[in-house]
Amino acid sequence: MKLDIQSVHFKADQKLLNFIQEKADKLEQYFDGIISGEVILKLDKDEHKENKIVEIKLEVPGNNPFAKKQAASFEEATDECVEALRRQVKKVKEKLKAHH
């Protein structure tokens, strides 16, 4: 899947980018109609430990599933986003099946 990853006010290392790409690619197991995805990585200015924010928006025909999660690490937030999106794309797929 083509993924556009942006990190706001910091440079994400290649290891993190690869991790996000691998996780996002797994979504295609559930629905092969995903066109592309956009990922935004942010650091919350809050002093809490859970200051890593990941937003993922997928481009799917007729629907753009979106998830935003905050966690102690970008990896953890990515896992949570991908899990939320997995549920969303399964629903999209089921709706499409119901219409056919």
PDB file of N, CA and C in Angstrom:
ATOM      1  N   MET A   1       0.846  -1.181   0.000  1.00  0.00           N
ATOM      2  CA  MET A   1       0.000   0.000   0.000  1.00  0.00           C
ATOM      3  C   MET A   1       0.887   1.237   0.000  1.00  0.00           C
ATOM      4  N   LYS A   2       0.493   2.228  -0.794  1.00  0.00           N
ATOM      5  CA  LYS A   2       1.244   3.486  -0.801  1.00  0.00           C
ATOM      6  C   LYS A   2       0.883   4.259   0.465  1.00  0.00           C
ATOM      7  N   LEU A   3       1.908   4.586   1.217  1.00  0.00           N
ATOM      8  CA  LEU A   3       1.699   5.262   2.491  1.00  0.00           C
ATOM      9  C   LEU A   3       2.501   6.554   2.510  1.00  0.00           C
ATOM     10  N   ASP A   4       1.831   7.639   2.851  1.00  0.00           N
ATOM     11  CA  ASP A   4       2.488   8.942   2.984  1.00  0.00           C
ATOM     12  C   ASP A   4       2.645   9.201   4.485  1.00  0.00           C
ATOM     13  N   ILE A   5       3.882   9.181   4.963  1.00  0.00           N
ATOM     14  CA  ILE A   5       4.129   9.352   6.397  1.00  0.00           C
ATOM     15  C   ILE A   5       4.762  10.718   6.643  1.00  0.00           C
ATOM     16  N   GLN A   6       4.109  11.510   7.497  1.00  0.00           N
ATOM     17  CA  GLN A   6       4.647  12.825   7.848  1.00  0.00           C
ATOM     18  C   GLN A   6       4.889  12.866   9.348  1.00  0.00           C
ATOM     19  N   SER A   7       6.043  13.365   9.727  1.00  0.00           N
ATOM     20  CA  SER A   7       6.300  13.574  11.153  1.00  0.00           C
ATOM     21  C   SER A   7       6.379  15.076  11.384  1.00  0.00           C
ATOM     22  N   VAL A   8       5.616  15.553  12.358  1.00  0.00           N
ATOM     23  CA  VAL A   8       5.497  16.979  12.625  1.00  0.00           C
ATOM     24  C   VAL A   8       6.530  17.406  13.670  1.00  0.00           C
ATOM     25  N   HIS A   9       7.404  18.335  13.321  1.00  0.00           N
ATOM     26  CA  HIS A   9       8.421  18.922  14.209  1.00  0.00           C
ATOM     27  C   HIS A   9       9.480  17.942  14.703  1.00  0.00           C
ATOM     28  N   PHE A  10       9.659  16.825  14.003  1.00  0.00           N
ATOM     29  CA  PHE A  10      10.782  15.936  14.312  1.00  0.00           C
ATOM     30  C   PHE A  10      10.990  15.025  13.112  1.00  0.00           C
ATOM     31  N   LYS A  11      12.136  14.353  13.077  1.00  0.00           N
ATOM     32  CA  LYS A  11      12.415  13.444  11.972  1.00  0.00           C
ATOM     33  C   LYS A  11      12.280  12.020  12.471  1.00  0.00           C
ATOM     34  N   ALA A  12      11.352  11.277  11.884  1.00  0.00           N
ATOM     35  CA  ALA A  12      11.159   9.877  12.268  1.00  0.00           C
ATOM     36  C   ALA A  12      12.284   9.044  11.669  1.00  0.00           C
ATOM     37  N   ASP A  13      12.807   8.101  12.438  1.00  0.00           N
ATOM     38  CA  ASP A  13      13.889   7.268  11.899  1.00  0.00           C
ATOM     39  C   ASP A  13      13.312   6.175  10.996  1.00  0.00           C
ATOM     40  N   GLN A  14      14.182   5.617  10.180  1.00  0.00           N
ATOM     41  CA  GLN A  14      13.768   4.640   9.166  1.00  0.00           C
ATOM     42  C   GLN A  14      13.135   3.404   9.799  1.00  0.00           C
ATOM     43  N   LYS A  15      13.630   3.025  10.968  1.00  0.00           N
ATOM     44  CA  LYS A  15      13.093   1.853  11.660  1.00  0.00           C
ATOM     45  C   LYS A  15      11.600   2.050  11.980  1.00  0.00           C
ATOM     46  N   LEU A  16      11.262   3.247  12.450  1.00  0.00           N
ATOM     47  CA  LEU A  16       9.867   3.569  12.767  1.00  0.00           C
ATOM     48  C   LEU A  16       9.019   3.592  11.489  1.00  0.00           C
ATOM     49  N   LEU A  17       9.553   4.202  10.439  1.00  0.00           N
ATOM     50  CA  LEU A  17       8.828   4.274   9.169  1.00  0.00           C
ATOM     51  C   LEU A  17       8.554   2.871   8.628  1.00  0.00           C
ATOM     52  N   ASN A  18       9.549   1.985   8.713  1.00  0.00           N
ATOM     53  CA  ASN A  18       9.383   0.602   8.250  1.00  0.00           C
ATOM     54  C   ASN A  18       8.332  -0.125   9.078  1.00  0.00           C
ATOM     55  N   PHE A  19       8.362   0.107  10.398  1.00  0.00           N
ATOM     56  CA  PHE A  19       7.396  -0.517  11.312  1.00  0.00           C
ATOM     57  C   PHE A  19       5.968  -0.116  10.926  1.00  0.00           C
ATOM     58  N   ILE A  20       5.766   1.177  10.700  1.00  0.00           N
ATOM     59  CA  ILE A  20       4.438   1.692  10.348  1.00  0.00           C
ATOM     60  C   ILE A  20       3.987   1.109   9.012  1.00  0.00           C
ATOM     61  N   GLN A  21       4.895   1.060   8.052  1.00  0.00           N
ATOM     62  CA  GLN A  21       4.558   0.518   6.720  1.00  0.00           C
ATOM     63  C   GLN A  21       4.141  -0.946   6.829  1.00  0.00           C
ATOM     64  N   GLU A  22       4.910  -1.731   7.600  1.00  0.00           N
ATOM     65  CA  GLU A  22       4.591  -3.152   7.768  1.00  0.00           C
ATOM     66  C   GLU A  22       3.220  -3.343   8.399  1.00  0.00           C
ATOM     67  N   LYS A  23       2.946  -2.569   9.447  1.00  0.00           N
ATOM     68  CA  LYS A  23       1.654  -2.679  10.138  1.00  0.00           C
ATOM     69  C   LYS A  23       0.502  -2.309   9.202  1.00  0.00           C
ATOM     70  N   ALA A  24       0.677  -1.218   8.471  1.00  0.00           N
ATOM     71  CA  ALA A  24      -0.374  -0.749   7.562  1.00  0.00           C
ATOM     72  C   ALA A  24      -0.610  -1.754   6.439  1.00  0.00           C
ATOM     73  N   ASP A  25       0.464  -2.365   5.957  1.00  0.00           N
ATOM     74  CA  ASP A  25       0.331  -3.345   4.872  1.00  0.00           C
ATOM     75  C   ASP A  25      -0.546  -4.523   5.293  1.00  0.00           C
ATOM     76  N   LYS A  26      -0.539  -4.841   6.586  1.00  0.00           N
ATOM     77  CA  LYS A  26      -1.344  -5.968   7.076  1.00  0.00           C
ATOM     78  C   LYS A  26      -2.840  -5.715   6.914  1.00  0.00           C
ATOM     79  N   LEU A  27      -3.232  -4.440   6.845  1.00  0.00           N
ATOM     80  CA  LEU A  27      -4.652  -4.115   6.671  1.00  0.00           C
ATOM     81  C   LEU A  27      -5.184  -4.641   5.342  1.00  0.00           C
ATOM     82  N   GLU A  28      -4.297  -4.811   4.374  1.00  0.00           N
ATOM     83  CA  GLU A  28      -4.726  -5.285   3.061  1.00  0.00           C
ATOM     84  C   GLU A  28      -5.186  -6.739   3.105  1.00  0.00           C
ATOM     85  N   GLN A  29      -4.830  -7.462   4.171  1.00  0.00           N
ATOM     86  CA  GLN A  29      -5.322  -8.840   4.345  1.00  0.00           C
ATOM     87  C   GLN A  29      -6.837  -8.824   4.542  1.00  0.00           C
ATOM     88  N   TYR A  30      -7.339  -7.769   5.157  1.00  0.00           N
ATOM     89  CA  TYR A  30      -8.754  -7.690   5.497  1.00  0.00           C
ATOM     90  C   TYR A  30      -9.591  -7.068   4.394  1.00  0.00           C
ATOM     91  N   PHE A  31      -8.944  -6.200   3.612  1.00  0.00           N
ATOM     92  CA  PHE A  31      -9.671  -5.519   2.544  1.00  0.00           C
ATOM     93  C   PHE A  31      -8.677  -5.076   1.486  1.00  0.00           C
ATOM     94  N   ASP A  32      -8.817  -5.617   0.282  1.00  0.00           N
ATOM     95  CA  ASP A  32      -7.831  -5.290  -0.757  1.00  0.00           C
ATOM     96  C   ASP A  32      -8.201  -4.053  -1.569  1.00  0.00           C
ATOM     97  N   GLY A  33      -9.274  -3.338  -1.148  1.00  0.00           N
ATOM     98  CA  GLY A  33      -9.681  -2.144  -1.870  1.00  0.00           C
ATOM     99  C   GLY A  33      -9.052  -0.857  -1.359  1.00  0.00           C
ATOM    100  N   ILE A  34      -8.085  -0.983  -0.437  1.00  0.00           N
ATOM    101  CA  ILE A  34      -7.435   0.217   0.107  1.00  0.00           C
ATOM    102  C   ILE A  34      -6.548   0.820  -0.977  1.00  0.00           C
ATOM    103  N   ILE A  35      -6.768   2.089  -1.267  1.00  0.00           N
ATOM    104  CA  ILE A  35      -5.997   2.752  -2.323  1.00  0.00           C
ATOM    105  C   ILE A  35      -4.669   3.268  -1.775  1.00  0.00           C
ATOM    106  N   SER A  36      -4.750   4.020  -0.690  1.00  0.00           N
ATOM    107  CA  SER A  36      -3.531   4.581  -0.102  1.00  0.00           C
ATOM    108  C   SER A  36      -3.814   4.967   1.343  1.00  0.00           C
ATOM    109  N   GLY A  37      -2.773   5.417   2.018  1.00  0.00           N
ATOM    110  CA  GLY A  37      -2.932   5.828   3.406  1.00  0.00           C
ATOM    111  C   GLY A  37      -2.066   7.032   3.714  1.00  0.00           C
ATOM    112  N   GLU A  38      -2.492   7.770   4.713  1.00  0.00           N
ATOM    113  CA  GLU A  38      -1.735   8.931   5.155  1.00  0.00           C
ATOM    114  C   GLU A  38      -1.532   8.805   6.660  1.00  0.00           C
ATOM    115  N   VAL A  39      -0.289   8.942   7.084  1.00  0.00           N
ATOM    116  CA  VAL A  39       0.043   8.809   8.501  1.00  0.00           C
ATOM    117  C   VAL A  39       0.663  10.116   8.976  1.00  0.00           C
ATOM    118  N   ILE A  40       0.183  10.607  10.111  1.00  0.00           N
ATOM    119  CA  ILE A  40       0.777  11.811  10.697  1.00  0.00           C
ATOM    120  C   ILE A  40       1.252  11.455  12.101  1.00  0.00           C
ATOM    121  N   LEU A  41       2.527  11.704  12.351  1.00  0.00           N
ATOM    122  CA  LEU A  41       3.129  11.447  13.657  1.00  0.00           C
ATOM    123  C   LEU A  41       3.341  12.783  14.351  1.00  0.00           C
ATOM    124  N   LYS A  42       2.878  12.881  15.590  1.00  0.00           N
ATOM    125  CA  LYS A  42       3.022  14.140  16.330  1.00  0.00           C
ATOM    126  C   LYS A  42       3.497  13.853  17.743  1.00  0.00           C
ATOM    127  N   LEU A  43       4.142  14.848  18.312  1.00  0.00           N
ATOM    128  CA  LEU A  43       4.504  14.806  19.730  1.00  0.00           C
ATOM    129  C   LEU A  43       3.618  15.800  20.454  1.00  0.00           C
ATOM    130  N   ASP A  44       2.914  15.322  21.455  1.00  0.00           N
ATOM    131  CA  ASP A  44       2.078  16.201  22.268  1.00  0.00           C
ATOM    132  C   ASP A  44       3.009  17.003  23.177  1.00  0.00           C
ATOM    133  N   LYS A  45       2.740  18.269  23.328  1.00  0.00           N
ATOM    134  CA  LYS A  45       3.615  19.110  24.165  1.00  0.00           C
ATOM    135  C   LYS A  45       3.437  18.816  25.651  1.00  0.00           C
ATOM    136  N   ASP A  46       2.428  18.048  25.972  1.00  0.00           N
ATOM    137  CA  ASP A  46       2.149  17.693  27.358  1.00  0.00           C
ATOM    138  C   ASP A  46       3.344  16.961  27.972  1.00  0.00           C
ATOM    139  N   GLU A  47       3.511  17.098  29.263  1.00  0.00           N
ATOM    140  CA  GLU A  47       4.642  16.457  29.941  1.00  0.00           C
ATOM    141  C   GLU A  47       4.393  14.980  30.265  1.00  0.00           C
ATOM    142  N   HIS A  48       3.196  14.501  29.979  1.00  0.00           N
ATOM    143  CA  HIS A  48       2.895  13.090  30.249  1.00  0.00           C
ATOM    144  C   HIS A  48       3.781  12.179  29.412  1.00  0.00           C
ATOM    145  N   LYS A  49       3.959  10.958  29.882  1.00  0.00           N
ATOM    146  CA  LYS A  49       4.757   9.992  29.134  1.00  0.00           C
ATOM    147  C   LYS A  49       4.061   9.593  27.835  1.00  0.00           C
ATOM    148  N   GLU A  50       2.744   9.539  27.868  1.00  0.00           N
ATOM    149  CA  GLU A  50       2.004   9.132  26.662  1.00  0.00           C
ATOM    150  C   GLU A  50       1.781  10.336  25.750  1.00  0.00           C
ATOM    151  N   ASN A  51       2.875  10.796  25.144  1.00  0.00           N
ATOM    152  CA  ASN A  51       2.789  12.018  24.337  1.00  0.00           C
ATOM    153  C   ASN A  51       2.996  11.762  22.849  1.00  0.00           C
ATOM    154  N   LYS A  52       2.969  10.520  22.415  1.00  0.00           N
ATOM    155  CA  LYS A  52       3.158  10.208  20.998  1.00  0.00           C
ATOM    156  C   LYS A  52       1.783  10.020  20.359  1.00  0.00           C
ATOM    157  N   ILE A  53       1.521  10.754  19.313  1.00  0.00           N
ATOM    158  CA  ILE A  53       0.223  10.692  18.642  1.00  0.00           C
ATOM    159  C   ILE A  53       0.419  10.189  17.209  1.00  0.00           C
ATOM    160  N   VAL A  54      -0.395   9.212  16.853  1.00  0.00           N
ATOM    161  CA  VAL A  54      -0.385   8.687  15.488  1.00  0.00           C
ATOM    162  C   VAL A  54      -1.789   8.832  14.919  1.00  0.00           C
ATOM    163  N   GLU A  55      -1.870   9.427  13.734  1.00  0.00           N
ATOM    164  CA  GLU A  55      -3.140   9.538  13.013  1.00  0.00           C
ATOM    165  C   GLU A  55      -2.966   8.814  11.684  1.00  0.00           C
ATOM    166  N   ILE A  56      -3.910   7.953  11.375  1.00  0.00           N
ATOM    167  CA  ILE A  56      -3.853   7.247  10.097  1.00  0.00           C
ATOM    168  C   ILE A  56      -5.194   7.405   9.396  1.00  0.00           C
ATOM    169  N   LYS A  57      -5.119   7.858   8.152  1.00  0.00           N
ATOM    170  CA  LYS A  57      -6.326   7.967   7.330  1.00  0.00           C
ATOM    171  C   LYS A  57      -6.106   7.109   6.092  1.00  0.00           C
ATOM    172  N   LEU A  58      -7.066   6.249   5.815  1.00  0.00           N
ATOM    173  CA  LEU A  58      -6.967   5.393   4.640  1.00  0.00           C
ATOM    174  C   LEU A  58      -7.896   5.909   3.548  1.00  0.00           C
ATOM    175  N   GLU A  59      -7.483   5.719   2.323  1.00  0.00           N
ATOM    176  CA  GLU A  59      -8.357   6.056   1.209  1.00  0.00           C
ATOM    177  C   GLU A  59      -8.944   4.760   0.670  1.00  0.00           C
ATOM    178  N   VAL A  60     -10.245   4.628   0.839  1.00  0.00           N
ATOM    179  CA  VAL A  60     -10.981   3.440   0.426  1.00  0.00           C
ATOM    180  C   VAL A  60     -12.158   3.931  -0.410  1.00  0.00           C
ATOM    181  N   PRO A  61     -12.483   3.270  -1.510  1.00  0.00           N
ATOM    182  CA  PRO A  61     -13.604   3.735  -2.330  1.00  0.00           C
ATOM    183  C   PRO A  61     -14.882   3.890  -1.494  1.00  0.00           C
ATOM    184  N   GLY A  62     -15.449   5.086  -1.507  1.00  0.00           N
ATOM    185  CA  GLY A  62     -16.694   5.343  -0.807  1.00  0.00           C
ATOM    186  C   GLY A  62     -16.566   5.557   0.690  1.00  0.00           C
ATOM    187  N   ASN A  63     -15.338   5.539   1.200  1.00  0.00           N
ATOM    188  CA  ASN A  63     -15.163   5.647   2.650  1.00  0.00           C
ATOM    189  C   ASN A  63     -13.700   5.970   2.942  1.00  0.00           C
ATOM    190  N   ASN A  64     -13.450   6.792   3.953  1.00  0.00           N
ATOM    191  CA  ASN A  64     -12.070   7.067   4.358  1.00  0.00           C
ATOM    192  C   ASN A  64     -11.921   6.786   5.854  1.00  0.00           C
ATOM    193  N   PRO A  65     -11.653   5.523   6.212  1.00  0.00           N
ATOM    194  CA  PRO A  65     -11.482   5.189   7.631  1.00  0.00           C
ATOM    195  C   PRO A  65     -10.347   6.013   8.243  1.00  0.00           C
ATOM    196  N   PHE A  66     -10.538   6.393   9.497  1.00  0.00           N
ATOM    197  CA  PHE A  66      -9.564   7.242  10.184  1.00  0.00           C
ATOM    198  C   PHE A  66      -9.408   6.770  11.626  1.00  0.00           C
ATOM    199  N   ALA A  67      -8.194   6.813  12.124  1.00  0.00           N
ATOM    200  CA  ALA A  67      -7.957   6.495  13.531  1.00  0.00           C
ATOM    201  C   ALA A  67      -6.879   7.421  14.065  1.00  0.00           C
ATOM    202  N   LYS A  68      -7.052   7.830  15.317  1.00  0.00           N
ATOM    203  CA  LYS A  68      -6.059   8.668  15.988  1.00  0.00           C
ATOM    204  C   LYS A  68      -5.863   8.100  17.384  1.00  0.00           C
ATOM    205  N   LYS A  69      -4.620   7.769  17.708  1.00  0.00           N
ATOM    206  CA  LYS A  69      -4.335   7.177  19.015  1.00  0.00           C
ATOM    207  C   LYS A  69      -3.125   7.854  19.640  1.00  0.00           C
ATOM    208  N   GLN A  70      -3.132   7.883  20.955  1.00  0.00           N
ATOM    209  CA  GLN A  70      -2.028   8.477  21.711  1.00  0.00           C
ATOM    210  C   GLN A  70      -1.499   7.424  22.669  1.00  0.00           C
ATOM    211  N   ALA A  71      -0.175   7.290  22.724  1.00  0.00           N
ATOM    212  CA  ALA A  71       0.432   6.266  23.578  1.00  0.00           C
ATOM    213  C   ALA A  71       1.840   6.700  23.987  1.00  0.00           C
ATOM    214  N   ALA A  72       2.497   5.829  24.748  1.00  0.00           N
ATOM    215  CA  ALA A  72       3.848   6.130  25.235  1.00  0.00           C
ATOM    216  C   ALA A  72       4.893   6.017  24.126  1.00  0.00           C
ATOM    217  N   SER A  73       4.591   5.233  23.083  1.00  0.00           N
ATOM    218  CA  SER A  73       5.529   5.100  21.957  1.00  0.00           C
ATOM    219  C   SER A  73       4.748   5.167  20.652  1.00  0.00           C
ATOM    220  N   PHE A  74       5.443   5.539  19.593  1.00  0.00           N
ATOM    221  CA  PHE A  74       4.796   5.585  18.285  1.00  0.00           C
ATOM    222  C   PHE A  74       4.384   4.189  17.849  1.00  0.00           C
ATOM    223  N   GLU A  75       5.188   3.184  18.220  1.00  0.00           N
ATOM    224  CA  GLU A  75       4.866   1.805  17.854  1.00  0.00           C
ATOM    225  C   GLU A  75       3.545   1.377  18.489  1.00  0.00           C
ATOM    226  N   GLU A  76       3.395   1.692  19.777  1.00  0.00           N
ATOM    227  CA  GLU A  76       2.170   1.333  20.499  1.00  0.00           C
ATOM    228  C   GLU A  76       0.951   2.053  19.900  1.00  0.00           C
ATOM    229  N   ALA A  77       1.114   3.337  19.630  1.00  0.00           N
ATOM    230  CA  ALA A  77       0.020   4.117  19.047  1.00  0.00           C
ATOM    231  C   ALA A  77      -0.318   3.595  17.644  1.00  0.00           C
ATOM    232  N   THR A  78       0.702   3.199  16.886  1.00  0.00           N
ATOM    233  CA  THR A  78       0.481   2.636  15.547  1.00  0.00           C
ATOM    234  C   THR A  78      -0.304   1.340  15.652  1.00  0.00           C
ATOM    235  N   ASP A  79       0.093   0.469  16.591  1.00  0.00           N
ATOM    236  CA  ASP A  79      -0.635  -0.795  16.802  1.00  0.00           C
ATOM    237  C   ASP A  79      -2.110  -0.535  17.076  1.00  0.00           C
ATOM    238  N   GLU A  80      -2.379   0.433  17.950  1.00  0.00           N
ATOM    239  CA  GLU A  80      -3.765   0.751  18.317  1.00  0.00           C
ATOM    240  C   GLU A  80      -4.531   1.317  17.126  1.00  0.00           C
ATOM    241  N   CYS A  81      -3.887   2.168  16.345  1.00  0.00           N
ATOM    242  CA  CYS A  81      -4.522   2.734  15.151  1.00  0.00           C
ATOM    243  C   CYS A  81      -4.851   1.634  14.141  1.00  0.00           C
ATOM    244  N   VAL A  82      -3.885   0.778  13.905  1.00  0.00           N
ATOM    245  CA  VAL A  82      -4.083  -0.285  12.913  1.00  0.00           C
ATOM    246  C   VAL A  82      -5.207  -1.219  13.360  1.00  0.00           C
ATOM    247  N   GLU A  83      -5.276  -1.493  14.652  1.00  0.00           N
ATOM    248  CA  GLU A  83      -6.354  -2.345  15.173  1.00  0.00           C
ATOM    249  C   GLU A  83      -7.716  -1.676  14.962  1.00  0.00           C
ATOM    250  N   ALA A  84      -7.798  -0.379  15.245  1.00  0.00           N
ATOM    251  CA  ALA A  84      -9.051   0.368  15.049  1.00  0.00           C
ATOM    252  C   ALA A  84      -9.423   0.378  13.561  1.00  0.00           C
ATOM    253  N   LEU A  85      -8.426   0.574  12.704  1.00  0.00           N
ATOM    254  CA  LEU A  85      -8.681   0.608  11.263  1.00  0.00           C
ATOM    255  C   LEU A  85      -9.062  -0.772  10.736  1.00  0.00           C
ATOM    256  N   ARG A  86      -8.492  -1.807  11.329  1.00  0.00           N
ATOM    257  CA  ARG A  86      -8.828  -3.171  10.917  1.00  0.00           C
ATOM    258  C   ARG A  86     -10.332  -3.399  11.102  1.00  0.00           C
ATOM    259  N   ARG A  87     -10.838  -2.975  12.253  1.00  0.00           N
ATOM    260  CA  ARG A  87     -12.285  -3.122  12.503  1.00  0.00           C
ATOM    261  C   ARG A  87     -13.083  -2.302  11.487  1.00  0.00           C
ATOM    262  N   GLN A  88     -12.609  -1.096  11.193  1.00  0.00           N
ATOM    263  CA  GLN A  88     -13.329  -0.227  10.257  1.00  0.00           C
ATOM    264  C   GLN A  88     -13.340  -0.797   8.838  1.00  0.00           C
ATOM    265  N   VAL A  89     -12.186  -1.284   8.377  1.00  0.00           N
ATOM    266  CA  VAL A  89     -12.147  -1.796   6.992  1.00  0.00           C
ATOM    267  C   VAL A  89     -12.941  -3.093   6.868  1.00  0.00           C
ATOM    268  N   LYS A  90     -13.005  -3.878   7.941  1.00  0.00           N
ATOM    269  CA  LYS A  90     -13.841  -5.086   7.903  1.00  0.00           C
ATOM    270  C   LYS A  90     -15.310  -4.701   7.749  1.00  0.00           C
ATOM    271  N   LYS A  91     -15.723  -3.627   8.435  1.00  0.00           N
ATOM    272  CA  LYS A  91     -17.106  -3.151   8.310  1.00  0.00           C
ATOM    273  C   LYS A  91     -17.377  -2.657   6.887  1.00  0.00           C
ATOM    274  N   VAL A  92     -16.427  -1.923   6.336  1.00  0.00           N
ATOM    275  CA  VAL A  92     -16.568  -1.422   4.960  1.00  0.00           C
ATOM    276  C   VAL A  92     -16.732  -2.596   4.005  1.00  0.00           C
ATOM    277  N   LYS A  93     -15.898  -3.615   4.191  1.00  0.00           N
ATOM    278  CA  LYS A  93     -15.944  -4.788   3.320  1.00  0.00           C
ATOM    279  C   LYS A  93     -17.297  -5.502   3.456  1.00  0.00           C
ATOM    280  N   GLU A  94     -17.774  -5.636   4.699  1.00  0.00           N
ATOM    281  CA  GLU A  94     -19.059  -6.299   4.929  1.00  0.00           C
ATOM    282  C   GLU A  94     -20.203  -5.515   4.274  1.00  0.00           C
ATOM    283  N   LYS A  95     -20.143  -4.180   4.365  1.00  0.00           N
ATOM    284  CA  LYS A  95     -21.174  -3.355   3.729  1.00  0.00           C
ATOM    285  C   LYS A  95     -21.161  -3.535   2.218  1.00  0.00           C
ATOM    286  N   LEU A  96     -19.952  -3.582   1.648  1.00  0.00           N
ATOM    287  CA  LEU A  96     -19.836  -3.770   0.210  1.00  0.00           C
ATOM    288  C   LEU A  96     -20.401  -5.126  -0.201  1.00  0.00           C
ATOM    289  N   LYS A  97     -20.104  -6.150   0.598  1.00  0.00           N
ATOM    290  CA  LYS A  97     -20.630  -7.496   0.305  1.00  0.00           C
ATOM    291  C   LYS A  97     -22.155  -7.499   0.373  1.00  0.00           C
ATOM    292  N   ALA A  98     -22.700  -6.799   1.359  1.00  0.00           N
ATOM    293  CA  ALA A  98     -24.154  -6.749   1.551  1.00  0.00           C
ATOM    294  C   ALA A  98     -24.843  -6.084   0.367  1.00  0.00           C
ATOM    295  N   HIS A  99     -24.154  -5.148  -0.292  1.00  0.00           N
ATOM    296  CA  HIS A  99     -24.751  -4.432  -1.417  1.00  0.00           C
ATOM    297  C   HIS A  99     -24.704  -5.254  -2.705  1.00  0.00           C
ATOM    298  N   HIS A 100     -23.844  -6.266  -2.729  1.00  0.00           N
ATOM    299  CA  HIS A 100     -23.698  -7.052  -3.973  1.00  0.00           C
ATOM    300  C   HIS A 100     -24.592  -8.262  -3.979  1.00  0.00           C
TER     301      HIS A 100
END
